Amino acid sequence: MSRLTHRLMSSSAALAVLIAFGVLAAGCAGTPAAISDIRYDFGPPNPAASAGSGPTVKVLDVSAPATLESDKLVYRLSYADAQQIAAYANSHWTMTPSQLLTQRLRNALSSRGAVLTGADGVSAPLLKVDLSEFEQVFDSQSESHAAVTARATLTQNGKVLGQRTFIARAPASSADAAGGAQALAAASDDLVGQIGAWLGVQALVAAQ
């Protein structure tokens, strides 16, 4: 075998190795990109009870402060700096927490009676919910819980019928975004249940 042929074969072999390495590297680099943005919601709604005959209620869109009006999954390291909040880089909600909570609330209350939005031209009791806390709180590096707080105000014909602040907590099964999302969904369902129970004992006048 000539020296030139040997060089060509060596160069070809080296090129093949480089190409193979490049393909593997591209594959490895592509794998995280495919799962770099995981989206969470509250999961399937809880089975609704049979439709009741309660009064019609208008449920406005849940409002929230600017820090919660995004799809970020927020957490707080209470064991390190309780005044500082952060958000997961590669995990988000499918929509803002206030939008997810609005859907859950309207779905739950619809089992009690007709649920309308603020745009409906019907005179009916009006429920306004202001979300003030919605985050995963780390009590230590390995333990965390969901914290959800909201204030509900019920009015009719410009008169306040009732107002109450609701607090819900739920432990996270894991100290990561997945555990936080699951716990926040559970706490949100608890909060919605509390609001529904409170609304059920209010003296409401049927829609006109």
N, C-alpha and C. Protein backbone atom coordinates (compact mmCIF):
# COMPACT_ATOMS: atom_id res chain seq x y z
N MET A 1 0.86 -1.19 0.00
CA MET A 1 0.00 0.00 0.00
C MET A 1 0.90 1.24 0.00
N SER A 2 0.54 2.21 -0.88
CA SER A 2 1.39 3.40 -0.98
C SER A 2 1.16 4.32 0.20
N ARG A 3 2.15 5.17 0.39
CA ARG A 3 2.04 6.11 1.50
C ARG A 3 0.88 7.07 1.29
N LEU A 4 0.59 7.48 0.03
CA LEU A 4 -0.52 8.38 -0.27
C LEU A 4 -1.86 7.71 0.04
N THR A 5 -1.98 6.44 -0.37
CA THR A 5 -3.23 5.72 -0.11
C THR A 5 -3.48 5.59 1.38
N HIS A 6 -2.43 5.31 2.14
CA HIS A 6 -2.55 5.17 3.58
C HIS A 6 -3.02 6.49 4.22
N ARG A 7 -2.48 7.61 3.69
CA ARG A 7 -2.89 8.91 4.22
C ARG A 7 -4.36 9.18 3.93
N LEU A 8 -4.82 8.83 2.70
CA LEU A 8 -6.20 9.06 2.33
C LEU A 8 -7.15 8.24 3.19
N MET A 9 -6.77 6.98 3.44
CA MET A 9 -7.61 6.13 4.27
C MET A 9 -7.66 6.64 5.71
N SER A 10 -6.52 7.11 6.20
CA SER A 10 -6.48 7.65 7.56
C SER A 10 -7.34 8.90 7.67
N SER A 11 -7.27 9.74 6.64
CA SER A 11 -8.06 10.97 6.66
C SER A 11 -9.55 10.65 6.59
N SER A 12 -9.92 9.66 5.77
CA SER A 12 -11.32 9.27 5.67
C SER A 12 -11.86 8.72 6.98
N ALA A 13 -11.03 7.90 7.63
CA ALA A 13 -11.44 7.33 8.91
C ALA A 13 -11.62 8.42 9.96
N ALA A 14 -10.69 9.38 9.96
CA ALA A 14 -10.79 10.48 10.92
C ALA A 14 -12.03 11.32 10.67
N LEU A 15 -12.34 11.53 9.35
CA LEU A 15 -13.51 12.31 9.00
C LEU A 15 -14.79 11.60 9.44
N ALA A 16 -14.81 10.29 9.25
CA ALA A 16 -15.98 9.51 9.66
C ALA A 16 -16.20 9.60 11.17
N VAL A 17 -15.11 9.55 11.93
CA VAL A 17 -15.21 9.66 13.38
C VAL A 17 -15.76 11.02 13.78
N LEU A 18 -15.26 12.07 13.12
CA LEU A 18 -15.71 13.41 13.44
C LEU A 18 -17.19 13.59 13.11
N ILE A 19 -17.62 13.04 11.96
CA ILE A 19 -19.01 13.15 11.57
C ILE A 19 -19.90 12.43 12.57
N ALA A 20 -19.48 11.22 12.94
CA ALA A 20 -20.26 10.44 13.90
C ALA A 20 -20.37 11.16 15.24
N PHE A 21 -19.26 11.74 15.68
CA PHE A 21 -19.26 12.48 16.94
C PHE A 21 -20.17 13.69 16.85
N GLY A 22 -20.15 14.34 15.67
CA GLY A 22 -20.99 15.51 15.49
C GLY A 22 -22.46 15.15 15.53
N VAL A 23 -22.85 14.03 14.94
CA VAL A 23 -24.24 13.59 14.96
C VAL A 23 -24.68 13.30 16.39
N LEU A 24 -23.82 12.59 17.15
CA LEU A 24 -24.15 12.27 18.53
C LEU A 24 -24.29 13.54 19.36
N ALA A 25 -23.36 14.46 19.15
CA ALA A 25 -23.41 15.71 19.91
C ALA A 25 -24.67 16.48 19.59
N ALA A 26 -25.05 16.48 18.30
CA ALA A 26 -26.27 17.19 17.91
C ALA A 26 -27.48 16.54 18.54
N GLY A 27 -27.47 15.22 18.59
CA GLY A 27 -28.58 14.50 19.20
C GLY A 27 -28.69 14.79 20.67
N CYS A 28 -27.57 14.79 21.37
CA CYS A 28 -27.59 15.09 22.80
C CYS A 28 -28.03 16.52 23.05
N ALA A 29 -27.56 17.43 22.20
CA ALA A 29 -27.93 18.83 22.37
C ALA A 29 -29.40 19.04 22.10
N GLY A 30 -29.96 18.22 21.17
CA GLY A 30 -31.36 18.38 20.82
C GLY A 30 -32.30 17.81 21.85
N THR A 31 -31.85 16.84 22.62
CA THR A 31 -32.73 16.19 23.58
C THR A 31 -33.26 17.15 24.64
N PRO A 32 -32.40 17.94 25.32
CA PRO A 32 -32.93 18.87 26.32
C PRO A 32 -33.84 19.92 25.69
N ALA A 33 -33.53 20.33 24.44
CA ALA A 33 -34.33 21.36 23.79
C ALA A 33 -35.77 20.90 23.61
N ALA A 34 -35.94 19.59 23.39
CA ALA A 34 -37.28 19.06 23.15
C ALA A 34 -38.14 19.14 24.42
N ILE A 35 -37.51 19.15 25.59
CA ILE A 35 -38.27 19.19 26.84
C ILE A 35 -37.86 20.39 27.69
N SER A 36 -37.36 21.43 27.02
CA SER A 36 -36.83 22.57 27.76
C SER A 36 -37.94 23.47 28.32
N ASP A 37 -39.17 23.30 27.84
CA ASP A 37 -40.26 24.14 28.32
C ASP A 37 -41.47 23.25 28.61
N ILE A 38 -41.61 22.84 29.86
CA ILE A 38 -42.71 21.97 30.26
C ILE A 38 -43.87 22.84 30.71
N ARG A 39 -45.06 22.54 30.22
CA ARG A 39 -46.26 23.33 30.53
C ARG A 39 -47.19 22.55 31.45
N TYR A 40 -47.71 23.25 32.46
CA TYR A 40 -48.60 22.63 33.43
C TYR A 40 -49.94 23.36 33.46
N ASP A 41 -51.00 22.60 33.77
CA ASP A 41 -52.29 23.20 34.10
C ASP A 41 -52.79 22.55 35.38
N PHE A 42 -54.06 22.69 35.69
CA PHE A 42 -54.59 22.13 36.93
C PHE A 42 -55.06 20.68 36.77
N GLY A 43 -54.92 20.13 35.57
CA GLY A 43 -55.36 18.78 35.34
C GLY A 43 -56.86 18.72 35.12
N PRO A 44 -57.41 17.52 34.93
CA PRO A 44 -58.86 17.39 34.71
C PRO A 44 -59.63 17.94 35.90
N PRO A 45 -60.76 18.59 35.64
CA PRO A 45 -61.56 19.14 36.76
C PRO A 45 -62.14 18.02 37.60
N ASN A 46 -62.39 18.32 38.85
CA ASN A 46 -63.03 17.35 39.73
C ASN A 46 -64.44 17.06 39.22
N PRO A 47 -64.89 15.82 39.35
CA PRO A 47 -66.26 15.49 38.90
C PRO A 47 -67.27 16.40 39.57
N ALA A 48 -68.06 17.06 38.76
CA ALA A 48 -69.05 18.01 39.30
C ALA A 48 -70.27 17.25 39.79
N ALA A 49 -70.85 17.77 40.84
CA ALA A 49 -72.09 17.17 41.34
C ALA A 49 -73.21 17.46 40.36
N SER A 50 -74.32 16.79 40.52
CA SER A 50 -75.44 17.03 39.64
C SER A 50 -75.89 18.48 39.75
N ALA A 51 -76.34 19.03 38.65
CA ALA A 51 -76.69 20.45 38.61
C ALA A 51 -77.74 20.79 39.66
N GLY A 52 -77.50 21.84 40.39
CA GLY A 52 -78.43 22.25 41.42
C GLY A 52 -79.41 23.28 40.90
N SER A 53 -80.17 23.85 41.81
CA SER A 53 -81.17 24.84 41.42
C SER A 53 -80.89 26.16 42.11
N GLY A 54 -79.62 26.43 42.36
CA GLY A 54 -79.25 27.66 43.02
C GLY A 54 -79.42 28.86 42.13
N PRO A 55 -79.32 30.06 42.70
CA PRO A 55 -79.50 31.28 41.90
C PRO A 55 -78.36 31.49 40.92
N THR A 56 -78.65 32.21 39.87
CA THR A 56 -77.64 32.57 38.88
C THR A 56 -76.61 33.51 39.50
N VAL A 57 -75.35 33.30 39.19
CA VAL A 57 -74.27 34.12 39.72
C VAL A 57 -73.36 34.56 38.59
N LYS A 58 -72.97 35.82 38.63
CA LYS A 58 -71.96 36.32 37.70
C LYS A 58 -70.60 36.15 38.35
N VAL A 59 -69.69 35.48 37.65
CA VAL A 59 -68.34 35.27 38.17
C VAL A 59 -67.37 36.03 37.27
N LEU A 60 -66.82 37.11 37.79
CA LEU A 60 -65.85 37.89 37.02
C LEU A 60 -64.54 37.12 36.87
N ASP A 61 -63.73 37.55 35.90
CA ASP A 61 -62.40 36.97 35.77
C ASP A 61 -61.61 37.25 37.04
N VAL A 62 -60.91 36.25 37.54
CA VAL A 62 -60.09 36.43 38.74
C VAL A 62 -58.98 37.43 38.42
N SER A 63 -58.77 38.37 39.31
CA SER A 63 -57.71 39.37 39.13
C SER A 63 -56.50 38.98 39.98
N ALA A 64 -55.35 39.51 39.62
CA ALA A 64 -54.11 39.19 40.33
C ALA A 64 -53.12 40.33 40.15
N PRO A 65 -52.16 40.47 41.07
CA PRO A 65 -51.13 41.50 40.92
C PRO A 65 -50.24 41.19 39.71
N ALA A 66 -49.50 42.20 39.29
CA ALA A 66 -48.66 42.06 38.08
C ALA A 66 -47.67 40.91 38.19
N THR A 67 -47.17 40.63 39.38
CA THR A 67 -46.19 39.56 39.56
C THR A 67 -46.77 38.18 39.24
N LEU A 68 -48.10 38.06 39.29
CA LEU A 68 -48.74 36.77 39.01
C LEU A 68 -49.44 36.74 37.66
N GLU A 69 -49.43 37.86 36.95
CA GLU A 69 -50.08 37.91 35.65
C GLU A 69 -49.12 37.46 34.54
N SER A 70 -48.60 36.27 34.68
CA SER A 70 -47.75 35.67 33.66
C SER A 70 -47.86 34.16 33.79
N ASP A 71 -47.22 33.44 32.89
CA ASP A 71 -47.29 31.98 32.95
C ASP A 71 -46.16 31.38 33.79
N LYS A 72 -45.45 32.21 34.54
CA LYS A 72 -44.32 31.72 35.33
C LYS A 72 -44.79 30.88 36.52
N LEU A 73 -44.02 29.85 36.83
CA LEU A 73 -44.26 29.02 38.01
C LEU A 73 -43.35 29.55 39.11
N VAL A 74 -43.94 30.27 40.05
CA VAL A 74 -43.19 31.03 41.04
C VAL A 74 -42.94 30.20 42.30
N TYR A 75 -41.75 30.38 42.87
CA TYR A 75 -41.44 29.72 44.15
C TYR A 75 -40.70 30.68 45.07
N ARG A 76 -40.68 30.32 46.36
CA ARG A 76 -40.03 31.14 47.38
C ARG A 76 -39.23 30.23 48.31
N LEU A 77 -37.99 30.60 48.57
CA LEU A 77 -37.14 29.84 49.48
C LEU A 77 -37.26 30.46 50.87
N SER A 78 -38.28 30.04 51.61
CA SER A 78 -38.53 30.66 52.91
C SER A 78 -37.43 30.36 53.92
N TYR A 79 -36.71 29.25 53.73
CA TYR A 79 -35.66 28.89 54.68
C TYR A 79 -34.39 29.70 54.44
N ALA A 80 -34.30 30.38 53.30
CA ALA A 80 -33.10 31.15 52.97
C ALA A 80 -33.38 32.65 52.99
N ASP A 81 -34.36 33.08 52.19
CA ASP A 81 -34.72 34.49 52.12
C ASP A 81 -36.21 34.56 51.82
N ALA A 82 -37.00 34.72 52.85
CA ALA A 82 -38.46 34.68 52.71
C ALA A 82 -39.01 35.86 51.93
N GLN A 83 -38.20 36.89 51.69
CA GLN A 83 -38.68 38.05 50.96
C GLN A 83 -38.37 38.00 49.48
N GLN A 84 -37.70 36.96 49.04
CA GLN A 84 -37.30 36.87 47.63
C GLN A 84 -38.06 35.76 46.93
N ILE A 85 -38.60 36.08 45.75
CA ILE A 85 -39.29 35.08 44.95
C ILE A 85 -38.51 34.87 43.65
N ALA A 86 -38.70 33.71 43.06
CA ALA A 86 -38.04 33.37 41.80
C ALA A 86 -39.00 32.53 40.98
N ALA A 87 -38.60 32.17 39.78
CA ALA A 87 -39.45 31.36 38.90
C ALA A 87 -38.60 30.32 38.19
N TYR A 88 -39.20 29.16 37.95
CA TYR A 88 -38.50 28.11 37.22
C TYR A 88 -38.25 28.57 35.78
N ALA A 89 -37.06 28.27 35.27
CA ALA A 89 -36.70 28.72 33.93
C ALA A 89 -37.36 27.89 32.84
N ASN A 90 -37.52 26.58 33.08
CA ASN A 90 -37.99 25.69 32.03
C ASN A 90 -39.35 25.05 32.32
N SER A 91 -40.10 25.64 33.23
CA SER A 91 -41.43 25.13 33.55
C SER A 91 -42.40 26.30 33.67
N HIS A 92 -43.53 26.20 32.99
CA HIS A 92 -44.50 27.28 32.97
C HIS A 92 -45.92 26.72 33.05
N TRP A 93 -46.88 27.61 33.35
CA TRP A 93 -48.29 27.27 33.27
C TRP A 93 -48.75 27.41 31.82
N THR A 94 -49.86 26.79 31.48
CA THR A 94 -50.40 26.92 30.13
C THR A 94 -51.02 28.31 29.92
N MET A 95 -51.39 28.95 31.02
CA MET A 95 -51.90 30.32 31.00
C MET A 95 -51.62 30.92 32.37
N THR A 96 -52.07 32.12 32.61
CA THR A 96 -51.78 32.74 33.91
C THR A 96 -52.56 32.02 35.03
N PRO A 97 -52.04 32.03 36.26
CA PRO A 97 -52.76 31.41 37.37
C PRO A 97 -54.18 31.96 37.54
N SER A 98 -54.37 33.25 37.31
CA SER A 98 -55.70 33.84 37.46
C SER A 98 -56.67 33.27 36.43
N GLN A 99 -56.19 33.01 35.22
CA GLN A 99 -57.05 32.42 34.19
C GLN A 99 -57.39 30.97 34.52
N LEU A 100 -56.41 30.24 35.00
CA LEU A 100 -56.65 28.85 35.39
C LEU A 100 -57.66 28.79 36.55
N LEU A 101 -57.51 29.70 37.50
CA LEU A 101 -58.41 29.72 38.65
C LEU A 101 -59.82 30.14 38.23
N THR A 102 -59.92 31.06 37.28
CA THR A 102 -61.24 31.48 36.77
C THR A 102 -61.98 30.30 36.17
N GLN A 103 -61.29 29.52 35.35
CA GLN A 103 -61.90 28.34 34.73
C GLN A 103 -62.37 27.35 35.79
N ARG A 104 -61.50 27.10 36.78
CA ARG A 104 -61.83 26.14 37.82
C ARG A 104 -63.03 26.60 38.64
N LEU A 105 -63.07 27.88 38.97
CA LEU A 105 -64.14 28.43 39.79
C LEU A 105 -65.47 28.37 39.06
N ARG A 106 -65.50 28.80 37.81
CA ARG A 106 -66.75 28.78 37.05
C ARG A 106 -67.24 27.36 36.84
N ASN A 107 -66.31 26.43 36.59
CA ASN A 107 -66.70 25.04 36.39
C ASN A 107 -67.33 24.46 37.66
N ALA A 108 -66.73 24.76 38.82
CA ALA A 108 -67.23 24.23 40.08
C ALA A 108 -68.59 24.83 40.43
N LEU A 109 -68.74 26.14 40.26
CA LEU A 109 -69.99 26.79 40.63
C LEU A 109 -71.13 26.46 39.68
N SER A 110 -70.81 26.02 38.47
CA SER A 110 -71.86 25.69 37.50
C SER A 110 -72.66 24.47 37.93
N SER A 111 -72.12 23.69 38.88
CA SER A 111 -72.87 22.54 39.39
C SER A 111 -73.96 22.96 40.35
N ARG A 112 -73.93 24.22 40.79
CA ARG A 112 -74.91 24.73 41.75
C ARG A 112 -76.01 25.53 41.07
N GLY A 113 -75.71 26.07 39.90
CA GLY A 113 -76.67 26.89 39.18
C GLY A 113 -76.00 27.55 38.00
N ALA A 114 -76.72 28.43 37.32
CA ALA A 114 -76.18 29.09 36.14
C ALA A 114 -75.06 30.05 36.52
N VAL A 115 -73.97 30.02 35.73
CA VAL A 115 -72.83 30.89 35.96
C VAL A 115 -72.65 31.77 34.73
N LEU A 116 -72.65 33.08 34.96
CA LEU A 116 -72.48 34.05 33.88
C LEU A 116 -71.18 34.82 34.08
N THR A 117 -70.80 35.59 33.07
CA THR A 117 -69.63 36.45 33.16
C THR A 117 -70.09 37.88 33.36
N GLY A 118 -69.17 38.77 33.58
CA GLY A 118 -69.53 40.17 33.79
C GLY A 118 -70.13 40.83 32.58
N ALA A 119 -69.95 40.22 31.41
CA ALA A 119 -70.46 40.82 30.18
C ALA A 119 -71.94 40.54 29.96
N ASP A 120 -72.50 39.61 30.73
CA ASP A 120 -73.91 39.28 30.56
C ASP A 120 -74.80 40.38 31.12
N GLY A 121 -75.80 40.78 30.33
CA GLY A 121 -76.68 41.87 30.74
C GLY A 121 -77.81 41.39 31.62
N VAL A 122 -77.49 40.67 32.68
CA VAL A 122 -78.48 40.14 33.59
C VAL A 122 -78.19 40.67 34.99
N SER A 123 -79.23 41.08 35.69
CA SER A 123 -79.06 41.54 37.07
C SER A 123 -78.97 40.32 37.98
N ALA A 124 -77.77 40.05 38.46
CA ALA A 124 -77.54 38.86 39.28
C ALA A 124 -76.43 39.15 40.27
N PRO A 125 -76.34 38.37 41.34
CA PRO A 125 -75.23 38.54 42.29
C PRO A 125 -73.89 38.44 41.55
N LEU A 126 -72.95 39.27 41.96
CA LEU A 126 -71.66 39.37 41.28
C LEU A 126 -70.54 38.91 42.21
N LEU A 127 -69.77 37.92 41.77
CA LEU A 127 -68.66 37.41 42.57
C LEU A 127 -67.34 37.87 41.96
N LYS A 128 -66.55 38.56 42.78
CA LYS A 128 -65.24 39.05 42.35
C LYS A 128 -64.18 38.43 43.24
N VAL A 129 -63.17 37.79 42.63
CA VAL A 129 -62.10 37.15 43.39
C VAL A 129 -60.77 37.79 43.03
N ASP A 130 -60.04 38.22 44.06
CA ASP A 130 -58.73 38.84 43.88
C ASP A 130 -57.66 37.89 44.43
N LEU A 131 -56.84 37.38 43.55
CA LEU A 131 -55.77 36.46 43.94
C LEU A 131 -54.56 37.26 44.41
N SER A 132 -54.07 36.96 45.61
CA SER A 132 -52.93 37.71 46.15
C SER A 132 -51.69 36.85 46.36
N GLU A 133 -51.86 35.54 46.47
CA GLU A 133 -50.73 34.65 46.69
C GLU A 133 -50.93 33.37 45.90
N PHE A 134 -49.89 32.98 45.16
CA PHE A 134 -49.96 31.76 44.37
C PHE A 134 -48.53 31.33 44.08
N GLU A 135 -47.97 30.52 44.97
CA GLU A 135 -46.57 30.17 44.84
C GLU A 135 -46.23 28.88 45.57
N GLN A 136 -45.11 28.30 45.18
CA GLN A 136 -44.56 27.13 45.87
C GLN A 136 -43.56 27.64 46.91
N VAL A 137 -43.77 27.27 48.15
CA VAL A 137 -42.91 27.74 49.23
C VAL A 137 -42.03 26.59 49.72
N PHE A 138 -40.73 26.81 49.66
CA PHE A 138 -39.78 25.80 50.13
C PHE A 138 -39.48 26.06 51.60
N ASP A 139 -39.86 25.10 52.45
CA ASP A 139 -39.57 25.20 53.86
C ASP A 139 -38.15 24.72 54.16
N SER A 140 -37.60 23.90 53.27
CA SER A 140 -36.22 23.43 53.33
C SER A 140 -35.83 23.04 51.91
N GLN A 141 -34.64 22.54 51.72
CA GLN A 141 -34.20 22.16 50.38
C GLN A 141 -34.98 20.97 49.84
N SER A 142 -35.57 20.18 50.70
CA SER A 142 -36.26 18.97 50.25
C SER A 142 -37.77 18.98 50.50
N GLU A 143 -38.30 20.00 51.17
CA GLU A 143 -39.72 20.04 51.47
C GLU A 143 -40.32 21.38 51.05
N SER A 144 -41.50 21.31 50.45
CA SER A 144 -42.17 22.52 50.01
C SER A 144 -43.68 22.31 50.03
N HIS A 145 -44.41 23.42 49.93
CA HIS A 145 -45.86 23.35 49.89
C HIS A 145 -46.40 24.47 49.00
N ALA A 146 -47.64 24.30 48.57
CA ALA A 146 -48.29 25.33 47.76
C ALA A 146 -49.03 26.29 48.68
N ALA A 147 -48.98 27.57 48.33
CA ALA A 147 -49.66 28.60 49.11
C ALA A 147 -50.53 29.44 48.17
N VAL A 148 -51.84 29.40 48.40
CA VAL A 148 -52.78 30.15 47.57
C VAL A 148 -53.70 30.96 48.50
N THR A 149 -53.79 32.25 48.24
CA THR A 149 -54.64 33.14 49.04
C THR A 149 -55.43 34.04 48.10
N ALA A 150 -56.71 34.23 48.39
CA ALA A 150 -57.55 35.09 47.56
C ALA A 150 -58.66 35.70 48.40
N ARG A 151 -59.13 36.86 47.98
CA ARG A 151 -60.24 37.53 48.65
C ARG A 151 -61.45 37.51 47.72
N ALA A 152 -62.58 37.06 48.25
CA ALA A 152 -63.81 37.01 47.46
C ALA A 152 -64.77 38.09 47.96
N THR A 153 -65.37 38.81 47.01
CA THR A 153 -66.34 39.85 47.34
C THR A 153 -67.62 39.58 46.56
N LEU A 154 -68.72 39.52 47.27
CA LEU A 154 -70.02 39.25 46.65
C LEU A 154 -70.88 40.50 46.73
N THR A 155 -71.35 40.97 45.60
CA THR A 155 -72.18 42.18 45.56
C THR A 155 -73.43 41.93 44.73
N GLN A 156 -74.42 42.78 44.96
CA GLN A 156 -75.64 42.74 44.15
C GLN A 156 -76.27 44.12 44.16
N ASN A 157 -76.52 44.62 42.95
CA ASN A 157 -77.09 45.96 42.79
C ASN A 157 -76.26 47.02 43.52
N GLY A 158 -74.94 46.87 43.46
CA GLY A 158 -74.05 47.83 44.07
C GLY A 158 -73.87 47.69 45.56
N LYS A 159 -74.51 46.72 46.18
CA LYS A 159 -74.41 46.52 47.62
C LYS A 159 -73.55 45.30 47.92
N VAL A 160 -72.62 45.44 48.88
CA VAL A 160 -71.76 44.33 49.26
C VAL A 160 -72.55 43.38 50.16
N LEU A 161 -72.69 42.15 49.71
CA LEU A 161 -73.40 41.13 50.49
C LEU A 161 -72.45 40.38 51.43
N GLY A 162 -71.19 40.30 51.04
CA GLY A 162 -70.23 39.59 51.87
C GLY A 162 -68.83 39.66 51.29
N GLN A 163 -67.86 39.53 52.15
CA GLN A 163 -66.46 39.53 51.71
C GLN A 163 -65.64 38.68 52.67
N ARG A 164 -64.73 37.87 52.10
CA ARG A 164 -63.92 37.00 52.95
C ARG A 164 -62.62 36.65 52.25
N THR A 165 -61.57 36.49 53.03
CA THR A 165 -60.28 36.05 52.51
C THR A 165 -60.13 34.55 52.75
N PHE A 166 -59.74 33.84 51.71
CA PHE A 166 -59.59 32.40 51.78
C PHE A 166 -58.12 32.02 51.63
N ILE A 167 -57.69 31.04 52.41
CA ILE A 167 -56.30 30.57 52.39
C ILE A 167 -56.30 29.06 52.19
N ALA A 168 -55.48 28.59 51.27
CA ALA A 168 -55.37 27.15 51.01
C ALA A 168 -53.89 26.76 50.94
N ARG A 169 -53.59 25.61 51.54
CA ARG A 169 -52.22 25.08 51.54
C ARG A 169 -52.27 23.60 51.15
N ALA A 170 -51.24 23.14 50.46
CA ALA A 170 -51.15 21.73 50.08
C ALA A 170 -49.69 21.33 49.98
N PRO A 171 -49.29 20.19 50.54
CA PRO A 171 -47.89 19.76 50.48
C PRO A 171 -47.51 19.32 49.07
N ALA A 172 -46.26 19.57 48.72
CA ALA A 172 -45.74 19.13 47.42
C ALA A 172 -45.12 17.74 47.57
N SER A 173 -45.37 16.87 46.61
CA SER A 173 -44.84 15.51 46.66
C SER A 173 -43.37 15.45 46.31
N SER A 174 -42.86 16.50 45.66
CA SER A 174 -41.44 16.55 45.31
C SER A 174 -40.98 18.00 45.31
N ALA A 175 -39.70 18.21 45.57
CA ALA A 175 -39.16 19.56 45.68
C ALA A 175 -38.69 20.07 44.32
N ASP A 176 -39.64 20.13 43.37
CA ASP A 176 -39.31 20.60 42.03
C ASP A 176 -40.55 21.21 41.41
N ALA A 177 -40.45 21.58 40.13
CA ALA A 177 -41.57 22.24 39.46
C ALA A 177 -42.79 21.33 39.37
N ALA A 178 -42.57 20.05 39.08
CA ALA A 178 -43.69 19.11 38.96
C ALA A 178 -44.44 18.99 40.27
N GLY A 179 -43.71 18.88 41.38
CA GLY A 179 -44.35 18.81 42.68
C GLY A 179 -45.07 20.09 43.03
N GLY A 180 -44.47 21.22 42.67
CA GLY A 180 -45.09 22.50 42.93
C GLY A 180 -46.38 22.70 42.15
N ALA A 181 -46.36 22.33 40.86
CA ALA A 181 -47.55 22.48 40.02
C ALA A 181 -48.69 21.61 40.55
N GLN A 182 -48.37 20.39 40.95
CA GLN A 182 -49.39 19.49 41.48
C GLN A 182 -49.98 20.02 42.79
N ALA A 183 -49.12 20.52 43.65
CA ALA A 183 -49.59 21.06 44.93
C ALA A 183 -50.42 22.32 44.73
N LEU A 184 -50.03 23.17 43.81
CA LEU A 184 -50.78 24.39 43.55
C LEU A 184 -52.15 24.08 42.96
N ALA A 185 -52.24 23.04 42.15
CA ALA A 185 -53.53 22.63 41.60
C ALA A 185 -54.43 22.13 42.73
N ALA A 186 -53.86 21.35 43.66
CA ALA A 186 -54.64 20.84 44.79
C ALA A 186 -55.10 21.97 45.70
N ALA A 187 -54.21 22.92 45.96
CA ALA A 187 -54.56 24.05 46.81
C ALA A 187 -55.63 24.92 46.15
N SER A 188 -55.55 25.06 44.84
CA SER A 188 -56.54 25.84 44.11
C SER A 188 -57.92 25.20 44.19
N ASP A 189 -57.97 23.87 44.07
CA ASP A 189 -59.25 23.16 44.20
C ASP A 189 -59.82 23.33 45.61
N ASP A 190 -58.93 23.31 46.60
CA ASP A 190 -59.37 23.54 47.98
C ASP A 190 -59.95 24.95 48.12
N LEU A 191 -59.26 25.92 47.56
CA LEU A 191 -59.72 27.31 47.62
C LEU A 191 -61.07 27.46 46.94
N VAL A 192 -61.21 26.88 45.76
CA VAL A 192 -62.48 26.94 45.03
C VAL A 192 -63.60 26.30 45.85
N GLY A 193 -63.29 25.18 46.50
CA GLY A 193 -64.29 24.53 47.35
C GLY A 193 -64.71 25.40 48.51
N GLN A 194 -63.75 26.09 49.11
CA GLN A 194 -64.07 26.99 50.22
C GLN A 194 -64.98 28.14 49.76
N ILE A 195 -64.65 28.70 48.59
CA ILE A 195 -65.46 29.81 48.06
C ILE A 195 -66.87 29.32 47.74
N GLY A 196 -66.96 28.12 47.16
CA GLY A 196 -68.27 27.57 46.83
C GLY A 196 -69.12 27.34 48.07
N ALA A 197 -68.50 26.82 49.13
CA ALA A 197 -69.23 26.59 50.38
C ALA A 197 -69.69 27.90 50.99
N TRP A 198 -68.84 28.91 50.96
CA TRP A 198 -69.19 30.23 51.50
C TRP A 198 -70.32 30.85 50.69
N LEU A 199 -70.22 30.73 49.37
CA LEU A 199 -71.25 31.30 48.50
C LEU A 199 -72.60 30.62 48.74
N GLY A 200 -72.56 29.34 49.08
CA GLY A 200 -73.80 28.60 49.28
C GLY A 200 -74.60 29.03 50.48
N VAL A 201 -73.98 29.71 51.43
CA VAL A 201 -74.71 30.14 52.63
C VAL A 201 -75.05 31.63 52.60
N GLN A 202 -74.76 32.29 51.47
CA GLN A 202 -75.09 33.70 51.36
C GLN A 202 -76.56 33.84 50.93
N ALA A 203 -77.17 34.93 51.35
CA ALA A 203 -78.56 35.20 51.01
C ALA A 203 -78.60 35.89 49.65
N LEU A 204 -78.77 35.09 48.59
CA LEU A 204 -78.76 35.62 47.24
C LEU A 204 -80.17 35.77 46.70
N VAL A 205 -80.35 36.80 45.88
CA VAL A 205 -81.63 37.05 45.24
C VAL A 205 -81.54 36.55 43.81
N ALA A 206 -82.55 35.88 43.35
CA ALA A 206 -82.56 35.33 41.99
C ALA A 206 -82.38 36.43 40.96
N ALA A 207 -81.73 36.03 39.85
CA ALA A 207 -81.49 36.98 38.75
C ALA A 207 -82.81 37.44 38.15
N GLN A 208 -82.77 38.67 37.61
CA GLN A 208 -83.97 39.23 37.00
C GLN A 208 -83.76 39.40 35.50
